[in-house]
Amino acid sequence: MVASASSDRTGPVGRSLAAQRLTAKGERTRQSILVAASELIFEQGLAGATIEDVQAAANVSASQLYHYFPSKTALVRAVIKFQEDGVVGAQEQALADLGTLDGLRAWADAVVDVQRQLRCRGGCPIGSLGSQLAETDPETRFDIAASFQRWADAIRDGLRSMQASGYLTASASPDDLALALLAALQGGFLLGQVQRSTRPLRIALDAILALIATHAAFPSSEA
């Protein structure tokens, strides 16, 4: 899932866990709680996913849950990081290896294909959390902002690599183009979720790819 926002991502959650020195069994229990909470929040939203629901889904007691996550806020912050690692972490290597405009198009095709497989349900896990938390919890809003910054940085680094290898002209701004691409992604995810169609995401990404192509030194990797 941006002193920078990424310099202290964990806050009290990370500090309390770092002090615990979890056993292998403890780590498995914590991970089970985190996975259950992430799935419930993704499917039902923050308001719909209660602590009791998480306990039941993870098959843990209240004391076990609060041992690892002393409050719902602590749990939500851990869920944000979990979703960030799952969504952004899974894309970072692909983005770093973009290399050419064709590589960028292939990445965009893969993103659309994932949404097609999901039948456009759920939207973006990070974006969904952001819309629910941005106006109600400044601490978690900071975490969401950091997750988005990590995503934008990954896109930017891929574009910088393209620029360094001569596939993008010196006039291109990787920072601005990365932010525009991330905004297109988020808008496409949301409209696609509402309409249950990948068409909004496809159109949004194609528009930004066309913009990036105006800064290309070569029309394709084969040029």
Protein backbone atom coordinates (compact mmCIF):
# COMPACT_ATOMS: atom_id res chain seq x y z
CA MET A 1 0.00 0.00 0.00
CA VAL A 2 4.20 7.15 1.52
CA ALA A 3 10.32 12.17 7.47
CA SER A 4 7.92 10.18 4.46
CA ALA A 5 4.74 8.27 5.17
CA SER A 6 6.58 4.99 4.72
CA SER A 7 9.13 5.79 7.43
CA ASP A 8 6.84 4.65 10.26
CA ARG A 9 4.24 2.42 8.74
CA THR A 10 3.57 0.10 11.63
CA GLY A 11 3.03 2.47 14.54
CA PRO A 12 1.81 0.80 17.74
CA VAL A 13 0.74 -2.31 15.85
CA GLY A 14 4.21 -3.14 14.62
CA ARG A 15 5.92 -2.12 17.84
CA SER A 16 3.69 -4.29 20.04
CA LEU A 17 4.13 -7.32 17.76
CA ALA A 18 7.86 -6.82 17.49
CA ALA A 19 8.11 -7.09 21.25
CA GLN A 20 6.21 -10.37 21.37
CA ARG A 21 8.68 -12.63 19.54
CA LEU A 22 5.93 -14.84 18.24
CA THR A 23 6.36 -18.57 18.18
CA ALA A 24 5.64 -20.42 14.94
CA LYS A 25 2.23 -21.36 16.33
CA GLY A 26 1.60 -17.79 17.40
CA GLU A 27 2.50 -16.47 13.96
CA ARG A 28 0.11 -18.97 12.36
CA THR A 29 -2.69 -17.87 14.69
CA ARG A 30 -2.03 -14.21 13.99
CA GLN A 31 -1.95 -14.86 10.24
CA SER A 32 -5.21 -16.80 10.45
CA ILE A 33 -6.89 -13.86 12.19
CA LEU A 34 -5.46 -11.42 9.66
CA VAL A 35 -6.60 -13.45 6.65
CA ALA A 36 -10.08 -13.90 8.10
CA ALA A 37 -10.39 -10.18 8.89
CA SER A 38 -9.14 -9.17 5.44
CA GLU A 39 -11.63 -11.42 3.67
CA LEU A 40 -14.56 -10.32 5.83
CA ILE A 41 -13.78 -6.63 5.47
CA PHE A 42 -13.33 -7.02 1.72
CA GLU A 43 -16.65 -8.84 1.37
CA GLN A 44 -18.77 -7.05 3.99
CA GLY A 45 -17.07 -3.71 4.60
CA LEU A 46 -15.69 -2.41 7.89
CA ALA A 47 -19.10 -1.84 9.43
CA GLY A 48 -20.34 -5.29 8.47
CA ALA A 49 -17.28 -7.20 9.68
CA THR A 50 -17.50 -7.36 13.48
CA ILE A 51 -14.87 -8.61 15.87
CA GLU A 52 -17.17 -11.52 16.64
CA ASP A 53 -17.32 -12.37 12.92
CA VAL A 54 -13.53 -12.38 12.74
CA GLN A 55 -13.29 -14.63 15.81
CA ALA A 56 -15.70 -17.10 14.27
CA ALA A 57 -14.02 -17.10 10.86
CA ALA A 58 -10.55 -17.56 12.37
CA ASN A 59 -11.81 -19.98 15.02
CA VAL A 60 -10.15 -18.07 17.87
CA SER A 61 -11.30 -16.73 21.21
CA ALA A 62 -11.63 -13.06 22.07
CA SER A 63 -8.56 -13.26 24.29
CA GLN A 64 -6.52 -14.75 21.43
CA LEU A 65 -7.64 -12.07 19.00
CA TYR A 66 -6.88 -9.22 21.40
CA HIS A 67 -3.53 -10.75 22.26
CA TYR A 68 -2.36 -10.10 18.71
CA PHE A 69 -4.55 -7.08 17.91
CA PRO A 70 -5.37 -5.03 21.04
CA SER A 71 -8.09 -3.01 19.28
CA LYS A 72 -10.15 -3.03 16.11
CA THR A 73 -8.04 -0.12 14.88
CA ALA A 74 -4.90 -2.22 15.35
CA LEU A 75 -6.53 -5.01 13.38
CA VAL A 76 -7.65 -2.68 10.60
CA ARG A 77 -4.16 -1.20 10.30
CA ALA A 78 -2.73 -4.70 9.99
CA VAL A 79 -5.35 -5.51 7.34
CA ILE A 80 -4.31 -2.43 5.36
CA LYS A 81 -0.68 -3.60 5.34
CA PHE A 82 -1.77 -7.14 4.48
CA GLN A 83 -3.78 -5.89 1.49
CA GLU A 84 -0.96 -3.58 0.45
CA ASP A 85 1.52 -6.44 0.39
CA GLY A 86 -0.94 -8.62 -1.49
CA VAL A 87 -1.96 -6.06 -4.11
CA VAL A 88 1.08 -3.82 -4.53
CA GLY A 89 3.70 -6.35 -3.50
CA ALA A 90 2.46 -8.75 -6.15
CA GLN A 91 2.90 -6.10 -8.86
CA GLU A 92 6.20 -4.50 -7.89
CA GLN A 93 8.46 -6.91 -9.75
CA ALA A 94 6.30 -6.82 -12.88
CA LEU A 95 6.32 -3.02 -12.80
CA ALA A 96 10.07 -2.91 -12.24
CA ASP A 97 10.54 -5.10 -15.32
CA LEU A 98 8.26 -3.10 -17.64
CA GLY A 99 11.11 -2.22 -19.98
CA THR A 100 8.97 -1.14 -22.94
CA LEU A 101 5.53 0.13 -23.88
CA ASP A 102 4.60 -3.41 -24.81
CA GLY A 103 5.54 -4.46 -21.30
CA LEU A 104 3.32 -1.74 -19.88
CA ARG A 105 0.43 -2.89 -22.07
CA ALA A 106 0.96 -6.49 -20.95
CA TRP A 107 0.82 -5.40 -17.30
CA ALA A 108 -2.42 -3.49 -17.95
CA ASP A 109 -3.90 -6.53 -19.71
CA ALA A 110 -3.04 -8.67 -16.68
CA VAL A 111 -4.76 -6.21 -14.32
CA VAL A 112 -7.91 -6.26 -16.43
CA ASP A 113 -7.79 -10.05 -16.64
CA VAL A 114 -7.68 -10.37 -12.85
CA GLN A 115 -10.78 -8.21 -12.54
CA ARG A 116 -12.50 -10.32 -15.20
CA GLN A 117 -11.73 -13.47 -13.22
CA LEU A 118 -13.13 -11.83 -10.08
CA ARG A 119 -16.21 -10.77 -12.05
CA CYS A 120 -15.43 -7.21 -10.93
CA ARG A 121 -16.57 -7.96 -7.38
CA GLY A 122 -15.04 -6.08 -4.48
CA GLY A 123 -13.16 -3.44 -6.43
CA CYS A 124 -9.69 -2.56 -5.16
CA PRO A 125 -9.07 -3.75 -1.58
CA ILE A 126 -6.94 -0.71 -0.81
CA GLY A 127 -9.25 1.77 -2.50
CA SER A 128 -12.27 0.28 -0.76
CA LEU A 129 -10.63 0.68 2.63
CA GLY A 130 -9.64 4.23 1.75
CA SER A 131 -13.19 5.26 0.90
CA GLN A 132 -14.41 3.87 4.21
CA LEU A 133 -11.68 5.35 6.39
CA ALA A 134 -10.53 8.62 4.83
CA GLU A 135 -12.99 10.85 6.70
CA THR A 136 -13.30 8.90 9.93
CA ASP A 137 -9.85 7.79 11.04
CA PRO A 138 -6.79 9.99 10.41
CA GLU A 139 -4.37 7.29 11.56
CA THR A 140 -5.60 4.65 9.14
CA ARG A 141 -5.99 7.27 6.39
CA PHE A 142 -2.24 7.81 6.74
CA ASP A 143 -1.67 4.09 6.24
CA ILE A 144 -3.89 4.03 3.14
CA ALA A 145 -2.02 7.04 1.74
CA ALA A 146 1.26 5.20 2.30
CA SER A 147 -0.08 2.14 0.48
CA PHE A 148 -1.09 4.25 -2.51
CA GLN A 149 2.29 5.98 -2.44
CA ARG A 150 4.06 2.62 -2.57
CA TRP A 151 1.91 1.70 -5.58
CA ALA A 152 2.61 5.01 -7.34
CA ASP A 153 6.32 4.64 -6.60
CA ALA A 154 6.35 1.17 -8.16
CA ILE A 155 4.71 2.49 -11.33
CA ARG A 156 7.02 5.49 -11.37
CA ASP A 157 10.11 3.32 -11.03
CA GLY A 158 8.98 1.21 -13.99
CA LEU A 159 8.47 4.34 -16.09
CA ARG A 160 11.84 5.72 -15.00
CA SER A 161 13.44 2.47 -16.13
CA MET A 162 11.75 2.88 -19.53
CA GLN A 163 13.01 6.45 -19.68
CA ALA A 164 16.55 5.46 -18.72
CA SER A 165 16.63 2.81 -21.45
CA GLY A 166 15.43 5.31 -24.05
CA TYR A 167 11.85 4.10 -24.53
CA LEU A 168 10.41 7.28 -23.01
CA THR A 169 11.61 10.74 -23.95
CA ALA A 170 13.30 13.06 -21.47
CA SER A 171 10.23 15.32 -21.54
CA ALA A 172 8.07 12.65 -19.88
CA SER A 173 7.39 12.99 -16.15
CA PRO A 174 7.34 9.50 -14.59
CA ASP A 175 5.95 10.93 -11.34
CA ASP A 176 2.98 12.62 -13.03
CA LEU A 177 2.30 9.73 -15.38
CA ALA A 178 2.44 7.23 -12.51
CA LEU A 179 -0.08 9.24 -10.50
CA ALA A 180 -2.36 9.53 -13.53
CA LEU A 181 -2.12 5.78 -14.13
CA LEU A 182 -2.91 4.98 -10.50
CA ALA A 183 -5.89 7.35 -10.58
CA ALA A 184 -7.13 5.65 -13.75
CA LEU A 185 -6.78 2.28 -12.06
CA GLN A 186 -8.80 3.35 -9.03
CA GLY A 187 -11.54 4.96 -11.09
CA GLY A 188 -11.71 1.91 -13.34
CA PHE A 189 -11.90 -0.44 -10.36
CA LEU A 190 -14.75 1.50 -8.78
CA LEU A 191 -16.84 1.90 -11.94
CA GLY A 192 -16.17 -1.70 -12.87
CA GLN A 193 -17.33 -2.85 -9.45
CA VAL A 194 -20.56 -0.86 -9.72
CA GLN A 195 -21.24 -1.88 -13.32
CA ARG A 196 -19.86 -5.43 -12.99
CA SER A 197 -17.87 -4.87 -16.15
CA THR A 198 -14.18 -4.56 -16.99
CA ARG A 199 -15.01 -2.00 -19.67
CA PRO A 200 -14.46 1.11 -17.48
CA LEU A 201 -11.08 -0.20 -16.34
CA ARG A 202 -10.07 -1.10 -19.88
CA ILE A 203 -11.05 2.31 -21.24
CA ALA A 204 -9.34 4.19 -18.39
CA LEU A 205 -6.11 2.25 -18.78
CA ASP A 206 -6.13 2.54 -22.57
CA ALA A 207 -6.52 6.31 -22.26
CA ILE A 208 -3.52 6.63 -19.95
CA LEU A 209 -1.45 4.24 -22.05
CA ALA A 210 -2.21 6.39 -25.09
CA LEU A 211 -1.01 9.43 -23.14
CA ILE A 212 2.20 7.66 -22.14
CA ALA A 213 2.70 6.59 -25.75
CA THR A 214 2.87 10.26 -26.78
CA HIS A 215 6.14 10.38 -24.83
CA ALA A 216 7.51 7.22 -26.40
CA ALA A 217 10.72 7.19 -28.36
CA PHE A 218 9.56 3.95 -29.98
CA PRO A 219 5.95 2.87 -30.68
CA SER A 220 6.63 -0.68 -29.43
CA SER A 221 9.39 -2.87 -28.05
CA GLU A 222 9.90 -4.26 -31.50
CA ALA A 223 10.76 -0.90 -33.04
